[in-house]
Amino acid sequence: MLSTVSKGGPAPAPPEPAPSRTRAAAGRVDMLHVSLLAVLGVLVLVGGITRPEQFLSLDNAELILTQASVIGVVTVGVTFVIIGGGIDLSVGAIVALASVWATTVATQSYGLAGILFCAVVVGVGCGLVNGLLIAYGPMVPFIATLAMLASARGLALQISEGRTQIVEVRAVLDLGLPGSHVLGVPPLVLVFLTVSVVGWLVLTRTTFGRRTVAVGGNPEASRLAGIDVRRQRLMLYLLSGLCCGIAAFMLIVLTGSGQNTNGNLYELDAIAAAIIGGTLLSGGRGTITGSVLGVLVFTTITNLFALNNLQSDVQQIAKGAIIVAAVLVQKGRSTS
């Protein structure tokens, strides 16, 4: 007999997976993380053999982590969206728009707080538009975020008039200096670490995280279990927009400027990092740890190729091969 829920009563929680399935899934995730760590180890070994003095230096390690920080924050937001069964192709354009809007003369007059506030508000605002179109429109995520990509890029170009907007706020520029450290860590790396830890806690230790996995795995079953699927999807795109706003501020600190070309191809890099980190494009499975390791793998490859004076086309081929291999591994695991 099917059980019913009285009106006004508490909504039932999504059904818990069987313990054996949970343990098996956790085992696959752990193996994936070990595999990514092994890939990083191989890359470090190659760097140590080919360019030991440059690659193994502390300065280069800080450079790799700093370069990974901006796209890493974006990837955290994208990971949530993909686990929830969506996709966000607009993250790079949102980063560009937020960085341009936050570096106008009017915004810079409010100092560091004004720039940070503007970047976050623009990011969240774009995420809100995406979420409303997808959750309540309803529009297919691919189309809605593709439209946002074009619109945000166009607006960024219009605001900047195609020019680079130089930041003149000393407090912002000081954060991006090579010797700048907070608690012995570069500020951008500390922000990346904080966002990653918070993202991991939200995904694995909160009801919001469990609902994200449930909605991505089976939205209809989640709806029948009492989850407001539309609100959950809206919140996921708000979260992605928030991460884009934070990343835009980090990029401003890193480059000391705002440009309409900022964030170019970030959407592809973030999705690729999430995929090789074990996030399923169909939704319902993924980890923040895996995505962070995916970002570090790609950033290390870029650094390694640059130190060895290899052309960028070879680097792109290597990244493409890694993505294909990761998808094939995922497909094999899902059918086993």
C-alpha atoms as a PDB file:
ATOM      1  CA  MET A   1       0.000   0.000   0.000  1.00  0.00           C
ATOM      2  CA  LEU A   2       1.307   3.459  -0.883  1.00  0.00           C
ATOM      3  CA  SER A   3       1.695   5.813   2.033  1.00  0.00           C
ATOM      4  CA  THR A   4       0.305   9.335   1.812  1.00  0.00           C
ATOM      5  CA  VAL A   5       1.380  12.588   3.395  1.00  0.00           C
ATOM      6  CA  SER A   6      -1.189  14.882   4.993  1.00  0.00           C
ATOM      7  CA  LYS A   7      -1.398  18.449   3.838  1.00  0.00           C
ATOM      8  CA  GLY A   8       0.766  20.763   5.860  1.00  0.00           C
ATOM      9  CA  GLY A   9       2.797  17.902   7.277  1.00  0.00           C
ATOM     10  CA  PRO A  10       6.562  17.620   6.923  1.00  0.00           C
ATOM     11  CA  ALA A  11       7.786  16.434   3.538  1.00  0.00           C
ATOM     12  CA  PRO A  12       9.480  13.056   3.578  1.00  0.00           C
ATOM     13  CA  ALA A  13      13.210  12.946   3.012  1.00  0.00           C
ATOM     14  CA  PRO A  14      14.565  11.385  -0.168  1.00  0.00           C
ATOM     15  CA  PRO A  15      15.053   7.637   0.217  1.00  0.00           C
ATOM     16  CA  GLU A  16      18.513   6.677   1.448  1.00  0.00           C
ATOM     17  CA  PRO A  17      20.573   4.469  -0.886  1.00  0.00           C
ATOM     18  CA  ALA A  18      21.323   0.927   0.190  1.00  0.00           C
ATOM     19  CA  PRO A  19      24.450   0.649   2.380  1.00  0.00           C
ATOM     20  CA  SER A  20      26.162  -1.709  -0.063  1.00  0.00           C
ATOM     21  CA  ARG A  21      25.619   0.711  -2.964  1.00  0.00           C
ATOM     22  CA  THR A  22      26.838   3.609  -0.829  1.00  0.00           C
ATOM     23  CA  ARG A  23      30.017   1.762   0.123  1.00  0.00           C
ATOM     24  CA  ALA A  24      30.638   0.759  -3.496  1.00  0.00           C
ATOM     25  CA  ALA A  25      30.175   4.352  -4.686  1.00  0.00           C
ATOM     26  CA  ALA A  26      32.487   5.641  -1.949  1.00  0.00           C
ATOM     27  CA  GLY A  27      35.085   3.077  -2.985  1.00  0.00           C
ATOM     28  CA  ARG A  28      34.926   4.223  -6.613  1.00  0.00           C
ATOM     29  CA  VAL A  29      35.305   7.848  -5.541  1.00  0.00           C
ATOM     30  CA  ASP A  30      38.320   7.044  -3.365  1.00  0.00           C
ATOM     31  CA  MET A  31      39.960   5.156  -6.240  1.00  0.00           C
ATOM     32  CA  LEU A  32      39.349   8.103  -8.549  1.00  0.00           C
ATOM     33  CA  HIS A  33      40.969  10.499  -6.089  1.00  0.00           C
ATOM     34  CA  VAL A  34      43.948   8.170  -5.748  1.00  0.00           C
ATOM     35  CA  SER A  35      44.204   8.013  -9.546  1.00  0.00           C
ATOM     36  CA  LEU A  36      44.203  11.807  -9.826  1.00  0.00           C
ATOM     37  CA  LEU A  37      46.839  12.072  -7.123  1.00  0.00           C
ATOM     38  CA  ALA A  38      48.898   9.523  -9.054  1.00  0.00           C
ATOM     39  CA  VAL A  39      48.558  11.644 -12.209  1.00  0.00           C
ATOM     40  CA  LEU A  40      49.735  14.685 -10.250  1.00  0.00           C
ATOM     41  CA  GLY A  41      52.649  12.632  -8.952  1.00  0.00           C
ATOM     42  CA  VAL A  42      53.632  11.650 -12.492  1.00  0.00           C
ATOM     43  CA  LEU A  43      53.454  15.286 -13.615  1.00  0.00           C
ATOM     44  CA  VAL A  44      55.652  16.363 -10.701  1.00  0.00           C
ATOM     45  CA  LEU A  45      58.094  13.587 -11.570  1.00  0.00           C
ATOM     46  CA  VAL A  46      58.240  14.705 -15.199  1.00  0.00           C
ATOM     47  CA  GLY A  47      58.742  18.310 -14.122  1.00  0.00           C
ATOM     48  CA  GLY A  48      61.471  17.283 -11.709  1.00  0.00           C
ATOM     49  CA  ILE A  49      63.300  15.429 -14.467  1.00  0.00           C
ATOM     50  CA  THR A  50      62.917  17.967 -17.278  1.00  0.00           C
ATOM     51  CA  ARG A  51      63.157  21.265 -15.365  1.00  0.00           C
ATOM     52  CA  PRO A  52      64.171  20.438 -11.764  1.00  0.00           C
ATOM     53  CA  GLU A  53      65.400  23.869 -10.669  1.00  0.00           C
ATOM     54  CA  GLN A  54      62.438  25.791 -12.046  1.00  0.00           C
ATOM     55  CA  PHE A  55      59.584  23.316 -11.535  1.00  0.00           C
ATOM     56  CA  LEU A  56      60.463  22.139  -8.019  1.00  0.00           C
ATOM     57  CA  SER A  57      60.996  25.630  -6.624  1.00  0.00           C
ATOM     58  CA  LEU A  58      58.690  27.088  -3.977  1.00  0.00           C
ATOM     59  CA  ASP A  59      57.961  30.085  -6.197  1.00  0.00           C
ATOM     60  CA  ASN A  60      56.724  27.797  -8.978  1.00  0.00           C
ATOM     61  CA  ALA A  61      54.522  25.860  -6.555  1.00  0.00           C
ATOM     62  CA  GLU A  62      52.936  29.125  -5.422  1.00  0.00           C
ATOM     63  CA  LEU A  63      52.525  30.135  -9.075  1.00  0.00           C
ATOM     64  CA  ILE A  64      50.682  26.894  -9.908  1.00  0.00           C
ATOM     65  CA  LEU A  65      48.365  27.244  -6.916  1.00  0.00           C
ATOM     66  CA  THR A  66      47.694  30.910  -7.658  1.00  0.00           C
ATOM     67  CA  GLN A  67      46.896  30.204 -11.300  1.00  0.00           C
ATOM     68  CA  ALA A  68      44.598  27.382 -10.226  1.00  0.00           C
ATOM     69  CA  SER A  69      42.769  29.554  -7.718  1.00  0.00           C
ATOM     70  CA  VAL A  70      40.561  31.635 -10.031  1.00  0.00           C
ATOM     71  CA  ILE A  71      39.354  28.801 -12.265  1.00  0.00           C
ATOM     72  CA  GLY A  72      39.209  26.590  -9.173  1.00  0.00           C
ATOM     73  CA  VAL A  73      36.598  28.812  -7.500  1.00  0.00           C
ATOM     74  CA  VAL A  74      34.544  28.821 -10.712  1.00  0.00           C
ATOM     75  CA  THR A  75      34.832  25.029 -10.887  1.00  0.00           C
ATOM     76  CA  VAL A  76      33.387  24.621  -7.396  1.00  0.00           C
ATOM     77  CA  GLY A  77      30.213  26.416  -8.503  1.00  0.00           C
ATOM     78  CA  VAL A  78      30.048  24.532 -11.796  1.00  0.00           C
ATOM     79  CA  THR A  79      30.436  21.219  -9.952  1.00  0.00           C
ATOM     80  CA  PHE A  80      27.322  21.926  -7.890  1.00  0.00           C
ATOM     81  CA  VAL A  81      25.347  22.818 -11.010  1.00  0.00           C
ATOM     82  CA  ILE A  82      26.388  19.662 -12.881  1.00  0.00           C
ATOM     83  CA  ILE A  83      25.718  17.396  -9.882  1.00  0.00           C
ATOM     84  CA  GLY A  84      22.261  18.982  -9.748  1.00  0.00           C
ATOM     85  CA  GLY A  85      21.615  17.933 -13.340  1.00  0.00           C
ATOM     86  CA  GLY A  86      22.349  21.265 -15.025  1.00  0.00           C
ATOM     87  CA  ILE A  87      25.093  22.928 -17.014  1.00  0.00           C
ATOM     88  CA  ASP A  88      26.460  26.483 -16.988  1.00  0.00           C
ATOM     89  CA  LEU A  89      28.127  27.754 -20.146  1.00  0.00           C
ATOM     90  CA  SER A  90      28.052  31.370 -19.013  1.00  0.00           C
ATOM     91  CA  VAL A  91      30.580  31.339 -16.160  1.00  0.00           C
ATOM     92  CA  GLY A  92      33.436  32.827 -18.193  1.00  0.00           C
ATOM     93  CA  ALA A  93      31.264  35.636 -19.530  1.00  0.00           C
ATOM     94  CA  ILE A  94      29.901  36.355 -16.035  1.00  0.00           C
ATOM     95  CA  VAL A  95      33.466  36.622 -14.727  1.00  0.00           C
ATOM     96  CA  ALA A  96      34.258  39.084 -17.524  1.00  0.00           C
ATOM     97  CA  LEU A  97      31.151  41.198 -16.880  1.00  0.00           C
ATOM     98  CA  ALA A  98      31.725  41.252 -13.121  1.00  0.00           C
ATOM     99  CA  SER A  99      35.390  42.207 -13.535  1.00  0.00           C
ATOM    100  CA  VAL A 100      34.551  45.049 -15.930  1.00  0.00           C
ATOM    101  CA  TRP A 101      31.656  46.387 -13.889  1.00  0.00           C
ATOM    102  CA  ALA A 102      33.710  46.254 -10.686  1.00  0.00           C
ATOM    103  CA  THR A 103      36.627  48.216 -12.188  1.00  0.00           C
ATOM    104  CA  THR A 104      34.772  51.226 -13.540  1.00  0.00           C
ATOM    105  CA  VAL A 105      35.914  54.586 -12.204  1.00  0.00           C
ATOM    106  CA  ALA A 106      32.674  54.970 -10.233  1.00  0.00           C
ATOM    107  CA  THR A 107      33.065  51.591  -8.534  1.00  0.00           C
ATOM    108  CA  GLN A 108      36.759  52.086  -7.765  1.00  0.00           C
ATOM    109  CA  SER A 109      35.887  55.265  -5.866  1.00  0.00           C
ATOM    110  CA  TYR A 110      34.437  53.028  -3.130  1.00  0.00           C
ATOM    111  CA  GLY A 111      37.732  51.210  -2.655  1.00  0.00           C
ATOM    112  CA  LEU A 112      38.346  47.500  -2.140  1.00  0.00           C
ATOM    113  CA  ALA A 113      34.966  46.882  -0.474  1.00  0.00           C
ATOM    114  CA  GLY A 114      33.133  48.534  -3.364  1.00  0.00           C
ATOM    115  CA  ILE A 115      34.970  46.455  -5.980  1.00  0.00           C
ATOM    116  CA  LEU A 116      34.361  43.205  -4.097  1.00  0.00           C
ATOM    117  CA  PHE A 117      30.707  44.017  -3.444  1.00  0.00           C
ATOM    118  CA  CYS A 118      30.071  44.956  -7.076  1.00  0.00           C
ATOM    119  CA  ALA A 119      31.753  41.820  -8.434  1.00  0.00           C
ATOM    120  CA  VAL A 120      29.741  39.545  -6.133  1.00  0.00           C
ATOM    121  CA  VAL A 121      26.435  41.322  -6.811  1.00  0.00           C
ATOM    122  CA  VAL A 122      26.913  41.145 -10.587  1.00  0.00           C
ATOM    123  CA  GLY A 123      27.797  37.446 -10.353  1.00  0.00           C
ATOM    124  CA  VAL A 124      24.809  36.609  -8.152  1.00  0.00           C
ATOM    125  CA  GLY A 125      22.531  38.740 -10.358  1.00  0.00           C
ATOM    126  CA  CYS A 126      23.541  36.815 -13.480  1.00  0.00           C
ATOM    127  CA  GLY A 127      23.099  33.549 -11.598  1.00  0.00           C
ATOM    128  CA  LEU A 128      19.626  34.687 -10.554  1.00  0.00           C
ATOM    129  CA  VAL A 129      18.646  35.338 -14.170  1.00  0.00           C
ATOM    130  CA  ASN A 130      19.979  31.924 -15.218  1.00  0.00           C
ATOM    131  CA  GLY A 131      18.171  30.217 -12.358  1.00  0.00           C
ATOM    132  CA  LEU A 132      14.832  31.909 -13.021  1.00  0.00           C
ATOM    133  CA  LEU A 133      14.955  31.095 -16.727  1.00  0.00           C
ATOM    134  CA  ILE A 134      15.853  27.457 -16.095  1.00  0.00           C
ATOM    135  CA  ALA A 135      13.797  26.698 -12.997  1.00  0.00           C
ATOM    136  CA  TYR A 136      10.683  28.794 -13.602  1.00  0.00           C
ATOM    137  CA  GLY A 137      10.937  29.585 -17.337  1.00  0.00           C
ATOM    138  CA  PRO A 138      11.362  26.817 -17.973  1.00  0.00           C
ATOM    139  CA  MET A 139      14.277  26.818 -20.407  1.00  0.00           C
ATOM    140  CA  VAL A 140      16.846  24.152 -21.148  1.00  0.00           C
ATOM    141  CA  PRO A 141      20.048  24.971 -19.183  1.00  0.00           C
ATOM    142  CA  PHE A 142      22.170  24.778 -22.336  1.00  0.00           C
ATOM    143  CA  ILE A 143      20.094  27.438 -24.116  1.00  0.00           C
ATOM    144  CA  ALA A 144      19.595  29.714 -21.107  1.00  0.00           C
ATOM    145  CA  THR A 145      23.271  29.826 -20.153  1.00  0.00           C
ATOM    146  CA  LEU A 146      24.325  30.141 -23.781  1.00  0.00           C
ATOM    147  CA  ALA A 147      22.116  33.225 -24.038  1.00  0.00           C
ATOM    148  CA  MET A 148      23.673  34.584 -20.839  1.00  0.00           C
ATOM    149  CA  LEU A 149      27.135  33.932 -22.284  1.00  0.00           C
ATOM    150  CA  ALA A 150      26.383  36.104 -25.328  1.00  0.00           C
ATOM    151  CA  SER A 151      24.583  38.809 -23.357  1.00  0.00           C
ATOM    152  CA  ALA A 152      27.187  39.105 -20.584  1.00  0.00           C
ATOM    153  CA  ARG A 153      30.058  39.259 -23.099  1.00  0.00           C
ATOM    154  CA  GLY A 154      28.253  41.932 -25.077  1.00  0.00           C
ATOM    155  CA  LEU A 155      27.469  44.005 -21.984  1.00  0.00           C
ATOM    156  CA  ALA A 156      31.068  43.700 -20.763  1.00  0.00           C
ATOM    157  CA  LEU A 157      32.279  44.963 -24.138  1.00  0.00           C
ATOM    158  CA  GLN A 158      29.806  47.834 -24.054  1.00  0.00           C
ATOM    159  CA  ILE A 159      30.772  48.927 -20.534  1.00  0.00           C
ATOM    160  CA  SER A 160      34.519  48.752 -21.172  1.00  0.00           C
ATOM    161  CA  GLU A 161      34.268  50.019 -24.757  1.00  0.00           C
ATOM    162  CA  GLY A 162      36.864  47.395 -25.602  1.00  0.00           C
ATOM    163  CA  ARG A 163      39.504  48.979 -23.361  1.00  0.00           C
ATOM    164  CA  THR A 164      41.410  47.574 -20.402  1.00  0.00           C
ATOM    165  CA  GLN A 165      40.277  49.213 -17.166  1.00  0.00           C
ATOM    166  CA  ILE A 166      43.281  49.695 -14.883  1.00  0.00           C
ATOM    167  CA  VAL A 167      42.747  49.313 -11.141  1.00  0.00           C
ATOM    168  CA  GLU A 168      44.166  52.174  -9.089  1.00  0.00           C
ATOM    169  CA  VAL A 169      43.038  51.058  -5.634  1.00  0.00           C
ATOM    170  CA  ARG A 170      46.241  50.363  -3.708  1.00  0.00           C
ATOM    171  CA  ALA A 171      44.636  47.872  -1.299  1.00  0.00           C
ATOM    172  CA  VAL A 172      43.531  45.680  -4.214  1.00  0.00           C
ATOM    173  CA  LEU A 173      46.894  45.846  -5.976  1.00  0.00           C
ATOM    174  CA  ASP A 174      48.770  44.956  -2.785  1.00  0.00           C
ATOM    175  CA  LEU A 175      46.887  41.649  -2.558  1.00  0.00           C
ATOM    176  CA  GLY A 176      48.275  40.627  -5.930  1.00  0.00           C
ATOM    177  CA  LEU A 177      51.934  41.365  -5.243  1.00  0.00           C
ATOM    178  CA  PRO A 178      54.248  38.319  -5.601  1.00  0.00           C
ATOM    179  CA  GLY A 179      55.392  38.544  -1.979  1.00  0.00           C
ATOM    180  CA  SER A 180      51.927  39.100  -0.540  1.00  0.00           C
ATOM    181  CA  HIS A 181      50.968  36.401   1.993  1.00  0.00           C
ATOM    182  CA  VAL A 182      48.245  35.859   4.566  1.00  0.00           C
ATOM    183  CA  LEU A 183      49.157  33.295   7.226  1.00  0.00           C
ATOM    184  CA  GLY A 184      52.086  32.333   5.000  1.00  0.00           C
ATOM    185  CA  VAL A 185      49.821  31.624   2.008  1.00  0.00           C
ATOM    186  CA  PRO A 186      49.141  33.788  -1.083  1.00  0.00           C
ATOM    187  CA  PRO A 187      45.738  35.499  -0.609  1.00  0.00           C
ATOM    188  CA  LEU A 188      44.174  33.999  -3.743  1.00  0.00           C
ATOM    189  CA  VAL A 189      45.211  30.493  -2.723  1.00  0.00           C
ATOM    190  CA  LEU A 190      43.675  31.066   0.697  1.00  0.00           C
ATOM    191  CA  VAL A 191      40.392  32.144  -0.917  1.00  0.00           C
ATOM    192  CA  PHE A 192      40.438  29.060  -3.169  1.00  0.00           C
ATOM    193  CA  LEU A 193      41.076  26.812  -0.171  1.00  0.00           C
ATOM    194  CA  THR A 194      38.261  28.442   1.813  1.00  0.00           C
ATOM    195  CA  VAL A 195      35.735  28.157  -1.037  1.00  0.00           C
ATOM    196  CA  SER A 196      36.711  24.529  -1.641  1.00  0.00           C
ATOM    197  CA  VAL A 197      36.364  23.560   2.030  1.00  0.00           C
ATOM    198  CA  VAL A 198      33.027  25.350   2.342  1.00  0.00           C
ATOM    199  CA  GLY A 199      31.833  23.728  -0.884  1.00  0.00           C
ATOM    200  CA  TRP A 200      32.876  20.290   0.373  1.00  0.00           C
ATOM    201  CA  LEU A 201      31.067  20.809   3.678  1.00  0.00           C
ATOM    202  CA  VAL A 202      27.900  22.047   1.949  1.00  0.00           C
ATOM    203  CA  LEU A 203      27.842  19.135  -0.500  1.00  0.00           C
ATOM    204  CA  THR A 204      28.623  16.368   1.984  1.00  0.00           C
ATOM    205  CA  ARG A 205      27.325  17.603   5.326  1.00  0.00           C
ATOM    206  CA  THR A 206      24.128  19.566   4.631  1.00  0.00           C
ATOM    207  CA  THR A 207      20.579  18.949   3.480  1.00  0.00           C
ATOM    208  CA  PHE A 208      21.246  21.282   0.561  1.00  0.00           C
ATOM    209  CA  GLY A 209      24.013  18.986  -0.658  1.00  0.00           C
ATOM    210  CA  ARG A 210      21.887  15.851  -0.323  1.00  0.00           C
ATOM    211  CA  ARG A 211      19.047  17.516  -2.193  1.00  0.00           C
ATOM    212  CA  THR A 212      21.449  18.577  -4.945  1.00  0.00           C
ATOM    213  CA  VAL A 213      22.530  14.968  -5.473  1.00  0.00           C
ATOM    214  CA  ALA A 214      18.930  13.763  -5.338  1.00  0.00           C
ATOM    215  CA  VAL A 215      17.663  16.322  -7.863  1.00  0.00           C
ATOM    216  CA  GLY A 216      20.514  15.558 -10.233  1.00  0.00           C
ATOM    217  CA  GLY A 217      20.016  11.812  -9.941  1.00  0.00           C
ATOM    218  CA  ASN A 218      16.236  11.730 -10.343  1.00  0.00           C
ATOM    219  CA  PRO A 219      14.303  15.023 -10.328  1.00  0.00           C
ATOM    220  CA  GLU A 220      10.882  13.358 -10.551  1.00  0.00           C
ATOM    221  CA  ALA A 221      11.539  11.080  -7.582  1.00  0.00           C
ATOM    222  CA  SER A 222      12.890  14.088  -5.682  1.00  0.00           C
ATOM    223  CA  ARG A 223       9.709  16.032  -6.411  1.00  0.00           C
ATOM    224  CA  LEU A 224       7.563  13.149  -5.191  1.00  0.00           C
ATOM    225  CA  ALA A 225       9.722  12.972  -2.053  1.00  0.00           C
ATOM    226  CA  GLY A 226       8.834  16.570  -1.239  1.00  0.00           C
ATOM    227  CA  ILE A 227      11.854  18.467  -2.566  1.00  0.00           C
ATOM    228  CA  ASP A 228      11.130  21.773  -4.288  1.00  0.00           C
ATOM    229  CA  VAL A 229      13.108  20.957  -7.432  1.00  0.00           C
ATOM    230  CA  ARG A 230      12.660  24.372  -9.018  1.00  0.00           C
ATOM    231  CA  ARG A 231      13.889  26.242  -5.951  1.00  0.00           C
ATOM    232  CA  GLN A 232      16.839  23.876  -5.641  1.00  0.00           C
ATOM    233  CA  ARG A 233      17.868  24.536  -9.238  1.00  0.00           C
ATOM    234  CA  LEU A 234      17.513  28.283  -8.700  1.00  0.00           C
ATOM    235  CA  MET A 235      19.789  28.079  -5.653  1.00  0.00           C
ATOM    236  CA  LEU A 236      22.393  26.106  -7.607  1.00  0.00           C
ATOM    237  CA  TYR A 237      22.678  28.817 -10.264  1.00  0.00           C
ATOM    238  CA  LEU A 238      22.808  31.487  -7.580  1.00  0.00           C
ATOM    239  CA  LEU A 239      25.714  29.564  -6.050  1.00  0.00           C
ATOM    240  CA  SER A 240      27.449  29.358  -9.430  1.00  0.00           C
ATOM    241  CA  GLY A 241      26.990  33.107  -9.915  1.00  0.00           C
ATOM    242  CA  LEU A 242      28.396  33.778  -6.442  1.00  0.00           C
ATOM    243  CA  CYS A 243      31.511  31.752  -7.280  1.00  0.00           C
ATOM    244  CA  CYS A 244      31.874  33.701 -10.537  1.00  0.00           C
ATOM    245  CA  GLY A 245      31.688  36.997  -8.646  1.00  0.00           C
ATOM    246  CA  ILE A 246      34.370  35.871  -6.195  1.00  0.00           C
ATOM    247  CA  ALA A 247      36.531  34.629  -9.090  1.00  0.00           C
ATOM    248  CA  ALA A 248      36.115  37.969 -10.880  1.00  0.00           C
ATOM    249  CA  PHE A 249      37.457  39.819  -7.839  1.00  0.00           C
ATOM    250  CA  MET A 250      40.361  37.370  -7.629  1.00  0.00           C
ATOM    251  CA  LEU A 251      41.128  37.981 -11.306  1.00  0.00           C
ATOM    252  CA  ILE A 252      41.076  41.722 -10.703  1.00  0.00           C
ATOM    253  CA  VAL A 253      43.588  41.242  -7.887  1.00  0.00           C
ATOM    254  CA  LEU A 254      45.745  38.976 -10.046  1.00  0.00           C
ATOM    255  CA  THR A 255      45.846  41.193 -13.155  1.00  0.00           C
ATOM    256  CA  GLY A 256      45.223  44.630 -11.670  1.00  0.00           C
ATOM    257  CA  SER A 257      42.621  45.319 -14.341  1.00  0.00           C
ATOM    258  CA  GLY A 258      39.199  44.490 -15.738  1.00  0.00           C
ATOM    259  CA  GLN A 259      38.737  43.385 -19.349  1.00  0.00           C
ATOM    260  CA  ASN A 260      35.864  42.130 -21.434  1.00  0.00           C
ATOM    261  CA  THR A 261      38.100  39.221 -22.520  1.00  0.00           C
ATOM    262  CA  ASN A 262      38.549  37.972 -18.946  1.00  0.00           C
ATOM    263  CA  GLY A 263      37.353  34.456 -18.251  1.00  0.00           C
ATOM    264  CA  ASN A 264      37.740  33.339 -21.849  1.00  0.00           C
ATOM    265  CA  LEU A 265      36.914  29.603 -22.113  1.00  0.00           C
ATOM    266  CA  TYR A 266      36.533  29.321 -18.333  1.00  0.00           C
ATOM    267  CA  GLU A 267      33.318  27.407 -18.891  1.00  0.00           C
ATOM    268  CA  LEU A 268      35.152  24.688 -20.811  1.00  0.00           C
ATOM    269  CA  ASP A 269      38.033  24.503 -18.330  1.00  0.00           C
ATOM    270  CA  ALA A 270      35.683  24.301 -15.348  1.00  0.00           C
ATOM    271  CA  ILE A 271      33.478  21.624 -16.901  1.00  0.00           C
ATOM    272  CA  ALA A 272      36.540  19.632 -17.990  1.00  0.00           C
ATOM    273  CA  ALA A 273      38.061  19.797 -14.494  1.00  0.00           C
ATOM    274  CA  ALA A 274      34.781  18.651 -12.950  1.00  0.00           C
ATOM    275  CA  ILE A 275      34.504  15.768 -15.426  1.00  0.00           C
ATOM    276  CA  ILE A 276      37.989  14.394 -14.830  1.00  0.00           C
ATOM    277  CA  GLY A 277      37.293  14.827 -11.126  1.00  0.00           C
ATOM    278  CA  GLY A 278      34.475  12.298 -11.408  1.00  0.00           C
ATOM    279  CA  THR A 279      31.400  14.502 -11.798  1.00  0.00           C
ATOM    280  CA  LEU A 280      28.824  12.898 -14.084  1.00  0.00           C
ATOM    281  CA  LEU A 281      27.510  15.185 -16.829  1.00  0.00           C
ATOM    282  CA  SER A 282      24.118  13.522 -16.416  1.00  0.00           C
ATOM    283  CA  GLY A 283      24.058  14.654 -12.773  1.00  0.00           C
ATOM    284  CA  GLY A 284      23.627  12.908  -9.455  1.00  0.00           C
ATOM    285  CA  ARG A 285      27.284  12.235  -8.674  1.00  0.00           C
ATOM    286  CA  GLY A 286      30.435  14.237  -8.082  1.00  0.00           C
ATOM    287  CA  THR A 287      32.807  15.559  -5.441  1.00  0.00           C
ATOM    288  CA  ILE A 288      34.443  18.884  -4.710  1.00  0.00           C
ATOM    289  CA  THR A 289      37.706  17.094  -3.905  1.00  0.00           C
ATOM    290  CA  GLY A 290      37.770  15.478  -7.341  1.00  0.00           C
ATOM    291  CA  SER A 291      37.065  18.784  -9.071  1.00  0.00           C
ATOM    292  CA  VAL A 292      39.856  20.526  -7.154  1.00  0.00           C
ATOM    293  CA  LEU A 293      42.266  17.757  -8.130  1.00  0.00           C
ATOM    294  CA  GLY A 294      41.104  18.119 -11.731  1.00  0.00           C
ATOM    295  CA  VAL A 295      41.919  21.830 -11.651  1.00  0.00           C
ATOM    296  CA  LEU A 296      45.357  21.119 -10.213  1.00  0.00           C
ATOM    297  CA  VAL A 297      46.053  18.505 -12.911  1.00  0.00           C
ATOM    298  CA  PHE A 298      45.207  20.919 -15.728  1.00  0.00           C
ATOM    299  CA  THR A 299      47.099  23.830 -14.142  1.00  0.00           C
ATOM    300  CA  THR A 300      50.182  21.674 -13.572  1.00  0.00           C
ATOM    301  CA  ILE A 301      50.083  20.519 -17.193  1.00  0.00           C
ATOM    302  CA  THR A 302      49.940  24.147 -18.357  1.00  0.00           C
ATOM    303  CA  ASN A 303      52.865  25.078 -16.128  1.00  0.00           C
ATOM    304  CA  LEU A 304      54.889  22.052 -17.187  1.00  0.00           C
ATOM    305  CA  PHE A 305      54.367  22.759 -20.876  1.00  0.00           C
ATOM    306  CA  ALA A 306      55.288  26.422 -20.426  1.00  0.00           C
ATOM    307  CA  LEU A 307      58.539  25.577 -18.626  1.00  0.00           C
ATOM    308  CA  ASN A 308      59.480  23.138 -21.397  1.00  0.00           C
ATOM    309  CA  ASN A 309      58.645  25.695 -24.122  1.00  0.00           C
ATOM    310  CA  LEU A 310      56.066  23.396 -25.717  1.00  0.00           C
ATOM    311  CA  GLN A 311      53.487  24.937 -27.990  1.00  0.00           C
ATOM    312  CA  SER A 312      49.970  25.590 -26.706  1.00  0.00           C
ATOM    313  CA  ASP A 313      48.398  23.376 -29.371  1.00  0.00           C
ATOM    314  CA  VAL A 314      50.220  20.342 -27.935  1.00  0.00           C
ATOM    315  CA  GLN A 315      48.944  21.334 -24.505  1.00  0.00           C
ATOM    316  CA  GLN A 316      45.353  21.490 -25.754  1.00  0.00           C
ATOM    317  CA  ILE A 317      45.715  18.067 -27.383  1.00  0.00           C
ATOM    318  CA  ALA A 318      46.970  16.631 -24.089  1.00  0.00           C
ATOM    319  CA  LYS A 319      44.037  18.162 -22.188  1.00  0.00           C
ATOM    320  CA  GLY A 320      41.588  16.798 -24.742  1.00  0.00           C
ATOM    321  CA  ALA A 321      43.075  13.311 -24.435  1.00  0.00           C
ATOM    322  CA  ILE A 322      42.751  13.463 -20.633  1.00  0.00           C
ATOM    323  CA  ILE A 323      39.084  14.502 -20.896  1.00  0.00           C
ATOM    324  CA  VAL A 324      38.305  11.656 -23.321  1.00  0.00           C
ATOM    325  CA  ALA A 325      40.069   9.160 -21.069  1.00  0.00           C
ATOM    326  CA  ALA A 326      38.165  10.415 -18.018  1.00  0.00           C
ATOM    327  CA  VAL A 327      34.798  10.117 -19.783  1.00  0.00           C
ATOM    328  CA  LEU A 328      35.614   6.585 -20.973  1.00  0.00           C
ATOM    329  CA  VAL A 329      36.602   5.589 -17.433  1.00  0.00           C
ATOM    330  CA  GLN A 330      33.334   7.050 -16.105  1.00  0.00           C
ATOM    331  CA  LYS A 331      31.340   5.186 -18.722  1.00  0.00           C
ATOM    332  CA  GLY A 332      33.074   1.922 -17.869  1.00  0.00           C
ATOM    333  CA  ARG A 333      32.380   2.374 -14.161  1.00  0.00           C
ATOM    334  CA  SER A 334      28.715   3.282 -14.709  1.00  0.00           C
ATOM    335  CA  THR A 335      28.113   0.099 -16.715  1.00  0.00           C
ATOM    336  CA  SER A 336      30.011  -2.174 -14.311  1.00  0.00           C
END
